[in-house]
Amino acid sequence: MIRQVIFRPLAVDDIANAATWYEAQAPGLGLALTDEIIRAVRRAQEEPDLFRVLRRRDGMRRVLTNRFPYRVFFTVSGDTLHVHAVLHGAQHDRHWRRR
């Protein structure tokens, strides 16, 4: 099990922007999205090897959220999980690398 999780600043921005948009749609929905992302990260934290490697050179992996159409991109270094991006399903996987 991974002991530490670090969210990159751009991943935090991704979450905040998405939560703000969902909250504007319906009160409480932004918090529900945030909770769902945290649950997805916890699944990755508990068993990171369950999620396939997208890029071998850096070990980038992806975990999907259940209720909302979001993907959480992460790598593992030692006992630390690094969250690099949180993207909506309509965005291309390569979108976060251009930032």
PDB file of N, CA and C in Angstrom:
ATOM      1  N   MET A   1       0.840  -1.200   0.000  1.00  0.00           N
ATOM      2  CA  MET A   1       0.000   0.000   0.000  1.00  0.00           C
ATOM      3  C   MET A   1       0.875   1.250   0.000  1.00  0.00           C
ATOM      4  N   ILE A   2       0.461   2.223  -0.756  1.00  0.00           N
ATOM      5  CA  ILE A   2       1.158   3.508  -0.847  1.00  0.00           C
ATOM      6  C   ILE A   2       0.855   4.318   0.413  1.00  0.00           C
ATOM      7  N   ARG A   3       1.863   4.906   0.996  1.00  0.00           N
ATOM      8  CA  ARG A   3       1.685   5.658   2.244  1.00  0.00           C
ATOM      9  C   ARG A   3       1.353   7.128   2.035  1.00  0.00           C
ATOM     10  N   GLN A   4       1.863   7.715   0.962  1.00  0.00           N
ATOM     11  CA  GLN A   4       1.702   9.155   0.764  1.00  0.00           C
ATOM     12  C   GLN A   4       1.135   9.444  -0.626  1.00  0.00           C
ATOM     13  N   VAL A   5       0.277  10.443  -0.707  1.00  0.00           N
ATOM     14  CA  VAL A   5      -0.278  10.889  -1.987  1.00  0.00           C
ATOM     15  C   VAL A   5       0.044  12.370  -2.148  1.00  0.00           C
ATOM     16  N   ILE A   6       0.599  12.716  -3.291  1.00  0.00           N
ATOM     17  CA  ILE A   6       0.917  14.110  -3.592  1.00  0.00           C
ATOM     18  C   ILE A   6       0.148  14.511  -4.849  1.00  0.00           C
ATOM     19  N   PHE A   7      -0.648  15.553  -4.726  1.00  0.00           N
ATOM     20  CA  PHE A   7      -1.381  16.100  -5.868  1.00  0.00           C
ATOM     21  C   PHE A   7      -0.554  17.232  -6.464  1.00  0.00           C
ATOM     22  N   ARG A   8      -0.226  17.130  -7.728  1.00  0.00           N
ATOM     23  CA  ARG A   8       0.481  18.212  -8.425  1.00  0.00           C
ATOM     24  C   ARG A   8      -0.452  19.421  -8.496  1.00  0.00           C
ATOM     25  N   PRO A   9       0.098  20.637  -8.516  1.00  0.00           N
ATOM     26  CA  PRO A   9      -0.752  21.836  -8.556  1.00  0.00           C
ATOM     27  C   PRO A   9      -1.760  21.845  -9.706  1.00  0.00           C
ATOM     28  N   LEU A  10      -1.359  21.368 -10.884  1.00  0.00           N
ATOM     29  CA  LEU A  10      -2.296  21.357 -12.011  1.00  0.00           C
ATOM     30  C   LEU A  10      -3.434  20.363 -11.778  1.00  0.00           C
ATOM     31  N   ALA A  11      -3.167  19.269 -11.079  1.00  0.00           N
ATOM     32  CA  ALA A  11      -4.228  18.306 -10.762  1.00  0.00           C
ATOM     33  C   ALA A  11      -5.216  18.933  -9.782  1.00  0.00           C
ATOM     34  N   VAL A  12      -4.710  19.697  -8.836  1.00  0.00           N
ATOM     35  CA  VAL A  12      -5.579  20.405  -7.889  1.00  0.00           C
ATOM     36  C   VAL A  12      -6.454  21.400  -8.654  1.00  0.00           C
ATOM     37  N   ASP A  13      -5.862  22.094  -9.615  1.00  0.00           N
ATOM     38  CA  ASP A  13      -6.633  23.025 -10.451  1.00  0.00           C
ATOM     39  C   ASP A  13      -7.717  22.286 -11.240  1.00  0.00           C
ATOM     40  N   ASP A  14      -7.360  21.118 -11.794  1.00  0.00           N
ATOM     41  CA  ASP A  14      -8.341  20.318 -12.530  1.00  0.00           C
ATOM     42  C   ASP A  14      -9.551  20.000 -11.655  1.00  0.00           C
ATOM     43  N   ILE A  15      -9.274  19.556 -10.432  1.00  0.00           N
ATOM     44  CA  ILE A  15     -10.341  19.175  -9.502  1.00  0.00           C
ATOM     45  C   ILE A  15     -11.178  20.389  -9.118  1.00  0.00           C
ATOM     46  N   ALA A  16     -10.516  21.487  -8.795  1.00  0.00           N
ATOM     47  CA  ALA A  16     -11.230  22.697  -8.380  1.00  0.00           C
ATOM     48  C   ALA A  16     -12.127  23.225  -9.503  1.00  0.00           C
ATOM     49  N   ASN A  17     -11.609  23.247 -10.718  1.00  0.00           N
ATOM     50  CA  ASN A  17     -12.399  23.736 -11.852  1.00  0.00           C
ATOM     51  C   ASN A  17     -13.614  22.847 -12.112  1.00  0.00           C
ATOM     52  N   ALA A  18     -13.407  21.549 -12.070  1.00  0.00           N
ATOM     53  CA  ALA A  18     -14.514  20.622 -12.307  1.00  0.00           C
ATOM     54  C   ALA A  18     -15.546  20.716 -11.190  1.00  0.00           C
ATOM     55  N   ALA A  19     -15.080  20.783  -9.943  1.00  0.00           N
ATOM     56  CA  ALA A  19     -16.008  20.875  -8.811  1.00  0.00           C
ATOM     57  C   ALA A  19     -16.811  22.173  -8.868  1.00  0.00           C
ATOM     58  N   THR A  20     -16.181  23.257  -9.259  1.00  0.00           N
ATOM     59  CA  THR A  20     -16.875  24.535  -9.385  1.00  0.00           C
ATOM     60  C   THR A  20     -17.953  24.457 -10.449  1.00  0.00           C
ATOM     61  N   TRP A  21     -17.637  23.838 -11.580  1.00  0.00           N
ATOM     62  CA  TRP A  21     -18.622  23.700 -12.653  1.00  0.00           C
ATOM     63  C   TRP A  21     -19.808  22.851 -12.191  1.00  0.00           C
ATOM     64  N   TYR A  22     -19.526  21.705 -11.566  1.00  0.00           N
ATOM     65  CA  TYR A  22     -20.609  20.828 -11.105  1.00  0.00           C
ATOM     66  C   TYR A  22     -21.434  21.489 -10.008  1.00  0.00           C
ATOM     67  N   GLU A  23     -20.803  22.238  -9.143  1.00  0.00           N
ATOM     68  CA  GLU A  23     -21.527  22.927  -8.065  1.00  0.00           C
ATOM     69  C   GLU A  23     -22.492  23.958  -8.647  1.00  0.00           C
ATOM     70  N   ALA A  24     -22.093  24.598  -9.752  1.00  0.00           N
ATOM     71  CA  ALA A  24     -22.979  25.567 -10.411  1.00  0.00           C
ATOM     72  C   ALA A  24     -24.192  24.876 -11.038  1.00  0.00           C
ATOM     73  N   GLN A  25     -24.054  23.597 -11.373  1.00  0.00           N
ATOM     74  CA  GLN A  25     -25.157  22.851 -11.967  1.00  0.00           C
ATOM     75  C   GLN A  25     -26.188  22.443 -10.918  1.00  0.00           C
ATOM     76  N   ALA A  26     -25.683  22.037  -9.737  1.00  0.00           N
ATOM     77  CA  ALA A  26     -26.577  21.618  -8.646  1.00  0.00           C
ATOM     78  C   ALA A  26     -25.803  21.663  -7.331  1.00  0.00           C
ATOM     79  N   PRO A  27     -26.367  22.296  -6.318  1.00  0.00           N
ATOM     80  CA  PRO A  27     -25.684  22.364  -5.028  1.00  0.00           C
ATOM     81  C   PRO A  27     -25.347  20.966  -4.499  1.00  0.00           C
ATOM     82  N   GLY A  28     -24.108  20.815  -4.054  1.00  0.00           N
ATOM     83  CA  GLY A  28     -23.649  19.547  -3.499  1.00  0.00           C
ATOM     84  C   GLY A  28     -22.995  18.637  -4.517  1.00  0.00           C
ATOM     85  N   LEU A  29     -23.182  18.912  -5.798  1.00  0.00           N
ATOM     86  CA  LEU A  29     -22.618  18.051  -6.831  1.00  0.00           C
ATOM     87  C   LEU A  29     -21.101  18.209  -6.934  1.00  0.00           C
ATOM     88  N   GLY A  30     -20.600  19.402  -6.691  1.00  0.00           N
ATOM     89  CA  GLY A  30     -19.153  19.618  -6.702  1.00  0.00           C
ATOM     90  C   GLY A  30     -18.462  18.819  -5.609  1.00  0.00           C
ATOM     91  N   LEU A  31     -19.060  18.790  -4.433  1.00  0.00           N
ATOM     92  CA  LEU A  31     -18.511  17.997  -3.325  1.00  0.00           C
ATOM     93  C   LEU A  31     -18.587  16.509  -3.650  1.00  0.00           C
ATOM     94  N   ALA A  32     -19.663  16.082  -4.293  1.00  0.00           N
ATOM     95  CA  ALA A  32     -19.800  14.681  -4.679  1.00  0.00           C
ATOM     96  C   ALA A  32     -18.704  14.283  -5.667  1.00  0.00           C
ATOM     97  N   LEU A  33     -18.387  15.168  -6.600  1.00  0.00           N
ATOM     98  CA  LEU A  33     -17.307  14.903  -7.552  1.00  0.00           C
ATOM     99  C   LEU A  33     -15.979  14.775  -6.817  1.00  0.00           C
ATOM    100  N   THR A  34     -15.700  15.706  -5.931  1.00  0.00           N
ATOM    101  CA  THR A  34     -14.452  15.673  -5.174  1.00  0.00           C
ATOM    102  C   THR A  34     -14.327  14.382  -4.379  1.00  0.00           C
ATOM    103  N   ASP A  35     -15.404  13.969  -3.725  1.00  0.00           N
ATOM    104  CA  ASP A  35     -15.404  12.712  -2.970  1.00  0.00           C
ATOM    105  C   ASP A  35     -15.129  11.520  -3.886  1.00  0.00           C
ATOM    106  N   GLU A  36     -15.718  11.532  -5.068  1.00  0.00           N
ATOM    107  CA  GLU A  36     -15.518  10.439  -6.012  1.00  0.00           C
ATOM    108  C   GLU A  36     -14.070  10.370  -6.482  1.00  0.00           C
ATOM    109  N   ILE A  37     -13.453  11.511  -6.705  1.00  0.00           N
ATOM    110  CA  ILE A  37     -12.046  11.546  -7.111  1.00  0.00           C
ATOM    111  C   ILE A  37     -11.171  11.015  -5.985  1.00  0.00           C
ATOM    112  N   ILE A  38     -11.468  11.396  -4.763  1.00  0.00           N
ATOM    113  CA  ILE A  38     -10.706  10.899  -3.608  1.00  0.00           C
ATOM    114  C   ILE A  38     -10.846   9.384  -3.494  1.00  0.00           C
ATOM    115  N   ARG A  39     -12.039   8.848  -3.714  1.00  0.00           N
ATOM    116  CA  ARG A  39     -12.224   7.395  -3.669  1.00  0.00           C
ATOM    117  C   ARG A  39     -11.399   6.702  -4.755  1.00  0.00           C
ATOM    118  N   ALA A  40     -11.351   7.291  -5.938  1.00  0.00           N
ATOM    119  CA  ALA A  40     -10.553   6.709  -7.022  1.00  0.00           C
ATOM    120  C   ALA A  40      -9.067   6.714  -6.659  1.00  0.00           C
ATOM    121  N   VAL A  41      -8.603   7.812  -6.082  1.00  0.00           N
ATOM    122  CA  VAL A  41      -7.196   7.899  -5.671  1.00  0.00           C
ATOM    123  C   VAL A  41      -6.906   6.867  -4.579  1.00  0.00           C
ATOM    124  N   ARG A  42      -7.832   6.659  -3.664  1.00  0.00           N
ATOM    125  CA  ARG A  42      -7.635   5.651  -2.609  1.00  0.00           C
ATOM    126  C   ARG A  42      -7.544   4.244  -3.195  1.00  0.00           C
ATOM    127  N   ARG A  43      -8.350   3.963  -4.225  1.00  0.00           N
ATOM    128  CA  ARG A  43      -8.239   2.654  -4.885  1.00  0.00           C
ATOM    129  C   ARG A  43      -6.854   2.487  -5.492  1.00  0.00           C
ATOM    130  N   ALA A  44      -6.357   3.543  -6.119  1.00  0.00           N
ATOM    131  CA  ALA A  44      -5.016   3.504  -6.700  1.00  0.00           C
ATOM    132  C   ALA A  44      -3.966   3.380  -5.609  1.00  0.00           C
ATOM    133  N   GLN A  45      -4.188   4.030  -4.496  1.00  0.00           N
ATOM    134  CA  GLN A  45      -3.256   3.989  -3.373  1.00  0.00           C
ATOM    135  C   GLN A  45      -3.172   2.582  -2.779  1.00  0.00           C
ATOM    136  N   GLU A  46      -4.298   1.901  -2.682  1.00  0.00           N
ATOM    137  CA  GLU A  46      -4.334   0.562  -2.098  1.00  0.00           C
ATOM    138  C   GLU A  46      -3.708  -0.488  -3.011  1.00  0.00           C
ATOM    139  N   GLU A  47      -3.969  -0.423  -4.293  1.00  0.00           N
ATOM    140  CA  GLU A  47      -3.473  -1.414  -5.255  1.00  0.00           C
ATOM    141  C   GLU A  47      -3.068  -0.754  -6.572  1.00  0.00           C
ATOM    142  N   PRO A  48      -1.968  -0.001  -6.592  1.00  0.00           N
ATOM    143  CA  PRO A  48      -1.611   0.720  -7.821  1.00  0.00           C
ATOM    144  C   PRO A  48      -1.335  -0.196  -9.011  1.00  0.00           C
ATOM    145  N   ASP A  49      -0.884  -1.422  -8.761  1.00  0.00           N
ATOM    146  CA  ASP A  49      -0.556  -2.328  -9.858  1.00  0.00           C
ATOM    147  C   ASP A  49      -1.791  -2.864 -10.579  1.00  0.00           C
ATOM    148  N   LEU A  50      -2.976  -2.646 -10.027  1.00  0.00           N
ATOM    149  CA  LEU A  50      -4.199  -3.072 -10.700  1.00  0.00           C
ATOM    150  C   LEU A  50      -4.505  -2.221 -11.931  1.00  0.00           C
ATOM    151  N   PHE A  51      -3.907  -1.057 -12.005  1.00  0.00           N
ATOM    152  CA  PHE A  51      -4.195  -0.117 -13.083  1.00  0.00           C
ATOM    153  C   PHE A  51      -3.066  -0.162 -14.104  1.00  0.00           C
ATOM    154  N   ARG A  52      -3.464  -0.332 -15.358  1.00  0.00           N
ATOM    155  CA  ARG A  52      -2.459  -0.569 -16.396  1.00  0.00           C
ATOM    156  C   ARG A  52      -1.562   0.640 -16.627  1.00  0.00           C
ATOM    157  N   VAL A  53      -0.359   0.336 -17.043  1.00  0.00           N
ATOM    158  CA  VAL A  53       0.626   1.367 -17.362  1.00  0.00           C
ATOM    159  C   VAL A  53       0.305   1.921 -18.740  1.00  0.00           C
ATOM    160  N   LEU A  54       0.172   3.248 -18.817  1.00  0.00           N
ATOM    161  CA  LEU A  54      -0.110   3.901 -20.093  1.00  0.00           C
ATOM    162  C   LEU A  54       1.170   4.244 -20.842  1.00  0.00           C
ATOM    163  N   ARG A  55       2.202   4.621 -20.075  1.00  0.00           N
ATOM    164  CA  ARG A  55       3.505   4.965 -20.661  1.00  0.00           C
ATOM    165  C   ARG A  55       4.582   4.271 -19.847  1.00  0.00           C
ATOM    166  N   ARG A  56       5.349   3.437 -20.512  1.00  0.00           N
ATOM    167  CA  ARG A  56       6.390   2.681 -19.805  1.00  0.00           C
ATOM    168  C   ARG A  56       7.526   3.554 -19.295  1.00  0.00           C
ATOM    169  N   ARG A  57       7.878   4.571 -20.056  1.00  0.00           N
ATOM    170  CA  ARG A  57       9.074   5.351 -19.687  1.00  0.00           C
ATOM    171  C   ARG A  57       8.936   6.044 -18.334  1.00  0.00           C
ATOM    172  N   ASP A  58       7.713   6.414 -17.941  1.00  0.00           N
ATOM    173  CA  ASP A  58       7.553   7.067 -16.645  1.00  0.00           C
ATOM    174  C   ASP A  58       6.564   6.342 -15.730  1.00  0.00           C
ATOM    175  N   GLY A  59       5.990   5.229 -16.206  1.00  0.00           N
ATOM    176  CA  GLY A  59       5.079   4.456 -15.370  1.00  0.00           C
ATOM    177  C   GLY A  59       3.719   5.101 -15.142  1.00  0.00           C
ATOM    178  N   MET A  60       3.323   5.980 -16.055  1.00  0.00           N
ATOM    179  CA  MET A  60       2.032   6.670 -15.912  1.00  0.00           C
ATOM    180  C   MET A  60       0.892   5.665 -15.969  1.00  0.00           C
ATOM    181  N   ARG A  61      -0.011   5.788 -14.995  1.00  0.00           N
ATOM    182  CA  ARG A  61      -1.187   4.920 -14.914  1.00  0.00           C
ATOM    183  C   ARG A  61      -2.432   5.779 -14.846  1.00  0.00           C
ATOM    184  N   ARG A  62      -3.603   5.129 -14.955  1.00  0.00           N
ATOM    185  CA  ARG A  62      -4.860   5.867 -14.933  1.00  0.00           C
ATOM    186  C   ARG A  62      -5.905   5.064 -14.161  1.00  0.00           C
ATOM    187  N   VAL A  63      -6.624   5.762 -13.292  1.00  0.00           N
ATOM    188  CA  VAL A  63      -7.753   5.163 -12.583  1.00  0.00           C
ATOM    189  C   VAL A  63      -8.996   5.969 -12.955  1.00  0.00           C
ATOM    190  N   LEU A  64     -10.100   5.267 -13.163  1.00  0.00           N
ATOM    191  CA  LEU A  64     -11.353   5.921 -13.548  1.00  0.00           C
ATOM    192  C   LEU A  64     -12.239   6.127 -12.329  1.00  0.00           C
ATOM    193  N   THR A  65     -12.988   7.212 -12.344  1.00  0.00           N
ATOM    194  CA  THR A  65     -13.987   7.418 -11.292  1.00  0.00           C
ATOM    195  C   THR A  65     -15.231   6.617 -11.675  1.00  0.00           C
ATOM    196  N   ASN A  66     -16.072   6.339 -10.698  1.00  0.00           N
ATOM    197  CA  ASN A  66     -17.264   5.528 -10.961  1.00  0.00           C
ATOM    198  C   ASN A  66     -18.468   6.363 -11.374  1.00  0.00           C
ATOM    199  N   ARG A  67     -18.820   7.361 -10.600  1.00  0.00           N
ATOM    200  CA  ARG A  67     -20.052   8.109 -10.836  1.00  0.00           C
ATOM    201  C   ARG A  67     -19.913   9.185 -11.905  1.00  0.00           C
ATOM    202  N   PHE A  68     -18.760   9.792 -11.988  1.00  0.00           N
ATOM    203  CA  PHE A  68     -18.508  10.885 -12.924  1.00  0.00           C
ATOM    204  C   PHE A  68     -17.518  10.415 -13.989  1.00  0.00           C
ATOM    205  N   PRO A  69     -17.562  11.008 -15.189  1.00  0.00           N
ATOM    206  CA  PRO A  69     -16.676  10.557 -16.267  1.00  0.00           C
ATOM    207  C   PRO A  69     -15.289  11.205 -16.196  1.00  0.00           C
ATOM    208  N   TYR A  70     -14.537  10.882 -15.163  1.00  0.00           N
ATOM    209  CA  TYR A  70     -13.208  11.465 -14.986  1.00  0.00           C
ATOM    210  C   TYR A  70     -12.151  10.382 -14.877  1.00  0.00           C
ATOM    211  N   ARG A  71     -10.926  10.754 -15.286  1.00  0.00           N
ATOM    212  CA  ARG A  71      -9.775   9.871 -15.209  1.00  0.00           C
ATOM    213  C   ARG A  71      -8.706  10.568 -14.385  1.00  0.00           C
ATOM    214  N   VAL A  72      -8.082   9.811 -13.512  1.00  0.00           N
ATOM    215  CA  VAL A  72      -7.032  10.334 -12.657  1.00  0.00           C
ATOM    216  C   VAL A  72      -5.716   9.700 -13.113  1.00  0.00           C
ATOM    217  N   PHE A  73      -4.775  10.530 -13.550  1.00  0.00           N
ATOM    218  CA  PHE A  73      -3.481  10.054 -14.027  1.00  0.00           C
ATOM    219  C   PHE A  73      -2.469  10.145 -12.897  1.00  0.00           C
ATOM    220  N   PHE A  74      -1.737   9.042 -12.679  1.00  0.00           N
ATOM    221  CA  PHE A  74      -0.813   9.004 -11.554  1.00  0.00           C
ATOM    222  C   PHE A  74       0.425   8.165 -11.867  1.00  0.00           C
ATOM    223  N   THR A  75       1.474   8.411 -11.090  1.00  0.00           N
ATOM    224  CA  THR A  75       2.669   7.576 -11.097  1.00  0.00           C
ATOM    225  C   THR A  75       2.971   7.202  -9.652  1.00  0.00           C
ATOM    226  N   VAL A  76       3.794   6.180  -9.502  1.00  0.00           N
ATOM    227  CA  VAL A  76       4.210   5.740  -8.172  1.00  0.00           C
ATOM    228  C   VAL A  76       5.721   5.797  -8.113  1.00  0.00           C
ATOM    229  N   SER A  77       6.218   6.391  -7.041  1.00  0.00           N
ATOM    230  CA  SER A  77       7.650   6.470  -6.803  1.00  0.00           C
ATOM    231  C   SER A  77       7.893   6.046  -5.357  1.00  0.00           C
ATOM    232  N   GLY A  78       8.466   4.873  -5.179  1.00  0.00           N
ATOM    233  CA  GLY A  78       8.660   4.360  -3.829  1.00  0.00           C
ATOM    234  C   GLY A  78       7.322   4.118  -3.168  1.00  0.00           C
ATOM    235  N   ASP A  79       7.100   4.778  -2.035  1.00  0.00           N
ATOM    236  CA  ASP A  79       5.805   4.629  -1.347  1.00  0.00           C
ATOM    237  C   ASP A  79       4.943   5.878  -1.505  1.00  0.00           C
ATOM    238  N   THR A  80       5.181   6.622  -2.606  1.00  0.00           N
ATOM    239  CA  THR A  80       4.428   7.852  -2.870  1.00  0.00           C
ATOM    240  C   THR A  80       3.689   7.749  -4.197  1.00  0.00           C
ATOM    241  N   LEU A  81       2.424   8.122  -4.173  1.00  0.00           N
ATOM    242  CA  LEU A  81       1.612   8.196  -5.380  1.00  0.00           C
ATOM    243  C   LEU A  81       1.507   9.665  -5.768  1.00  0.00           C
ATOM    244  N   HIS A  82       1.864   9.979  -7.006  1.00  0.00           N
ATOM    245  CA  HIS A  82       1.813  11.352  -7.508  1.00  0.00           C
ATOM    246  C   HIS A  82       0.636  11.471  -8.468  1.00  0.00           C
ATOM    247  N   VAL A  83      -0.311  12.338  -8.162  1.00  0.00           N
ATOM    248  CA  VAL A  83      -1.444  12.592  -9.045  1.00  0.00           C
ATOM    249  C   VAL A  83      -1.054  13.758  -9.953  1.00  0.00           C
ATOM    250  N   HIS A  84      -1.006  13.492 -11.263  1.00  0.00           N
ATOM    251  CA  HIS A  84      -0.549  14.492 -12.230  1.00  0.00           C
ATOM    252  C   HIS A  84      -1.683  15.276 -12.871  1.00  0.00           C
ATOM    253  N   ALA A  85      -2.815  14.618 -13.086  1.00  0.00           N
ATOM    254  CA  ALA A  85      -3.929  15.286 -13.775  1.00  0.00           C
ATOM    255  C   ALA A  85      -5.230  14.554 -13.487  1.00  0.00           C
ATOM    256  N   VAL A  86      -6.315  15.304 -13.571  1.00  0.00           N
ATOM    257  CA  VAL A  86      -7.666  14.747 -13.466  1.00  0.00           C
ATOM    258  C   VAL A  86      -8.439  15.315 -14.644  1.00  0.00           C
ATOM    259  N   LEU A  87      -8.781  14.444 -15.604  1.00  0.00           N
ATOM    260  CA  LEU A  87      -9.397  14.902 -16.847  1.00  0.00           C
ATOM    261  C   LEU A  87     -10.786  14.324 -17.030  1.00  0.00           C
ATOM    262  N   HIS A  88     -11.654  15.132 -17.624  1.00  0.00           N
ATOM    263  CA  HIS A  88     -12.984  14.683 -18.014  1.00  0.00           C
ATOM    264  C   HIS A  88     -12.834  13.687 -19.163  1.00  0.00           C
ATOM    265  N   GLY A  89     -13.762  12.772 -19.263  1.00  0.00           N
ATOM    266  CA  GLY A  89     -13.719  11.752 -20.297  1.00  0.00           C
ATOM    267  C   GLY A  89     -13.712  12.291 -21.716  1.00  0.00           C
ATOM    268  N   ALA A  90     -14.233  13.496 -21.927  1.00  0.00           N
ATOM    269  CA  ALA A  90     -14.260  14.078 -23.267  1.00  0.00           C
ATOM    270  C   ALA A  90     -12.908  14.654 -23.681  1.00  0.00           C
ATOM    271  N   GLN A  91     -12.016  14.845 -22.734  1.00  0.00           N
ATOM    272  CA  GLN A  91     -10.692  15.385 -23.053  1.00  0.00           C
ATOM    273  C   GLN A  91      -9.761  14.247 -23.439  1.00  0.00           C
ATOM    274  N   HIS A  92      -8.889  14.515 -24.383  1.00  0.00           N
ATOM    275  CA  HIS A  92      -7.922  13.510 -24.824  1.00  0.00           C
ATOM    276  C   HIS A  92      -6.880  13.296 -23.731  1.00  0.00           C
ATOM    277  N   ASP A  93      -6.387  12.060 -23.612  1.00  0.00           N
ATOM    278  CA  ASP A  93      -5.391  11.732 -22.588  1.00  0.00           C
ATOM    279  C   ASP A  93      -4.151  12.613 -22.668  1.00  0.00           C
ATOM    280  N   ARG A  94      -3.788  13.020 -23.865  1.00  0.00           N
ATOM    281  CA  ARG A  94      -2.567  13.822 -24.029  1.00  0.00           C
ATOM    282  C   ARG A  94      -2.748  15.281 -23.628  1.00  0.00           C
ATOM    283  N   HIS A  95      -3.975  15.685 -23.370  1.00  0.00           N
ATOM    284  CA  HIS A  95      -4.267  17.085 -23.041  1.00  0.00           C
ATOM    285  C   HIS A  95      -3.422  17.599 -21.873  1.00  0.00           C
ATOM    286  N   TRP A  96      -3.311  16.839 -20.833  1.00  0.00           N
ATOM    287  CA  TRP A  96      -2.610  17.318 -19.633  1.00  0.00           C
ATOM    288  C   TRP A  96      -1.112  17.461 -19.865  1.00  0.00           C
ATOM    289  N   ARG A  97      -0.537  16.713 -20.814  1.00  0.00           N
ATOM    290  CA  ARG A  97       0.901  16.811 -21.043  1.00  0.00           C
ATOM    291  C   ARG A  97       1.303  18.105 -21.717  1.00  0.00           C
ATOM    292  N   ARG A  98       0.367  18.782 -22.370  1.00  0.00           N
ATOM    293  CA  ARG A  98       0.681  20.037 -23.064  1.00  0.00           C
ATOM    294  C   ARG A  98       0.724  21.225 -22.120  1.00  0.00           C
ATOM    295  N   ARG A  99       0.291  21.046 -20.898  1.00  0.00           N
ATOM    296  CA  ARG A  99       0.226  22.167 -19.966  1.00  0.00           C
ATOM    297  C   ARG A  99       1.581  22.481 -19.375  1.00  0.00           C
TER     298      ARG A  99
END
